[in-house]
Amino acid sequence: MATGLPTVTFNTPVSMEILGDLGVYSELGNTEALASQIEWLLKDEKAAKSIGFDLRARAVEHFLWDDAVHQILEIYDVALGR
């Protein structure tokens, strides 16, 4: 995602939270469907580039390390009663 590549994954709550509408999802545990989605992206270079570009933008907007550090520190402060 952060490298600008499209992401194919099983449809799980965590995947949905991270990738949002930009993920390419397959039914949980269905490896044939997963392989089919990967194959589709390999064949459709335009779609793969577009999805990858949008995912990169999402990663930069929502998942920067600096933001995560601040969130983690806030959690520790609350847990330690600071």
Protein backbone atom coordinates (compact mmCIF):
# COMPACT_ATOMS: atom_id res chain seq x y z
CA MET A 1 0.00 0.00 0.00
CA ALA A 2 2.67 2.51 1.01
CA THR A 3 4.75 1.61 -2.04
CA GLY A 4 1.88 2.38 -4.40
CA LEU A 5 1.01 -1.19 -5.22
CA PRO A 6 -2.55 -2.48 -5.32
CA THR A 7 -3.41 -4.71 -2.39
CA VAL A 8 -5.34 -7.95 -2.69
CA THR A 9 -6.54 -9.50 0.54
CA PHE A 10 -9.26 -11.53 2.14
CA ASN A 11 -12.29 -9.54 3.22
CA THR A 12 -11.78 -9.03 6.96
CA PRO A 13 -12.67 -6.15 9.27
CA VAL A 14 -9.01 -5.19 9.70
CA SER A 15 -8.39 -5.19 5.95
CA MET A 16 -11.50 -3.06 5.41
CA GLU A 17 -10.37 -0.61 8.10
CA ILE A 18 -6.94 -0.16 6.54
CA LEU A 19 -7.72 -0.33 2.83
CA GLY A 20 -11.27 1.02 2.80
CA ASP A 21 -12.93 0.99 -0.60
CA LEU A 22 -9.56 0.79 -2.32
CA GLY A 23 -8.74 -2.79 -1.40
CA VAL A 24 -9.29 -5.65 -3.77
CA TYR A 25 -11.08 -8.21 -1.65
CA SER A 26 -11.80 -11.91 -1.83
CA GLU A 27 -14.07 -14.03 0.30
CA LEU A 28 -12.32 -15.08 3.50
CA GLY A 29 -10.48 -18.36 2.97
CA ASN A 30 -11.29 -18.61 -0.75
CA THR A 31 -7.82 -18.96 -2.24
CA GLU A 32 -9.15 -19.39 -5.77
CA ALA A 33 -10.95 -16.04 -5.55
CA LEU A 34 -7.81 -14.45 -4.12
CA ALA A 35 -5.73 -15.81 -7.01
CA SER A 36 -8.36 -14.59 -9.47
CA GLN A 37 -8.17 -11.05 -8.08
CA ILE A 38 -4.38 -11.07 -8.31
CA GLU A 39 -4.59 -12.33 -11.88
CA TRP A 40 -7.08 -9.58 -12.76
CA LEU A 41 -4.69 -6.90 -11.50
CA LEU A 42 -1.78 -8.45 -13.37
CA LYS A 43 -3.80 -8.33 -16.58
CA ASP A 44 -5.34 -4.86 -16.06
CA GLU A 45 -2.28 -2.66 -15.67
CA LYS A 46 -4.32 0.55 -15.79
CA ALA A 47 -6.55 -0.55 -12.89
CA ALA A 48 -3.57 -1.79 -10.90
CA LYS A 49 -1.73 1.53 -11.28
CA SER A 50 -4.81 3.55 -10.40
CA ILE A 51 -5.61 1.50 -7.30
CA GLY A 52 -1.96 1.54 -6.24
CA PHE A 53 -1.75 5.31 -6.65
CA ASP A 54 -4.90 5.84 -4.59
CA LEU A 55 -3.71 3.42 -1.89
CA ARG A 56 -0.40 5.26 -1.62
CA ALA A 57 -2.29 8.51 -1.09
CA ARG A 58 -4.43 6.82 1.59
CA ALA A 59 -1.34 5.52 3.36
CA VAL A 60 0.22 8.97 3.42
CA GLU A 61 -3.00 10.59 4.61
CA HIS A 62 -3.95 8.09 7.32
CA PHE A 63 -0.97 5.98 8.33
CA LEU A 64 2.14 8.11 8.69
CA TRP A 65 4.56 6.86 11.35
CA ASP A 66 4.69 10.26 13.08
CA ASP A 67 0.92 10.15 13.62
CA ALA A 68 1.10 6.60 14.94
CA VAL A 69 3.84 7.53 17.41
CA HIS A 70 1.71 10.32 18.86
CA GLN A 71 -1.30 8.00 19.19
CA ILE A 72 0.79 5.34 20.93
CA LEU A 73 2.26 7.88 23.33
CA GLU A 74 -1.21 9.21 24.16
CA ILE A 75 -2.40 5.68 24.91
CA TYR A 76 0.55 5.12 27.26
CA ASP A 77 -0.11 8.46 28.98
CA VAL A 78 -3.72 7.50 29.61
CA ALA A 79 -2.78 4.00 30.77
CA LEU A 80 -0.18 5.41 33.15
CA GLY A 81 -2.55 8.09 34.45
CA ARG A 82 -0.48 11.02 33.27
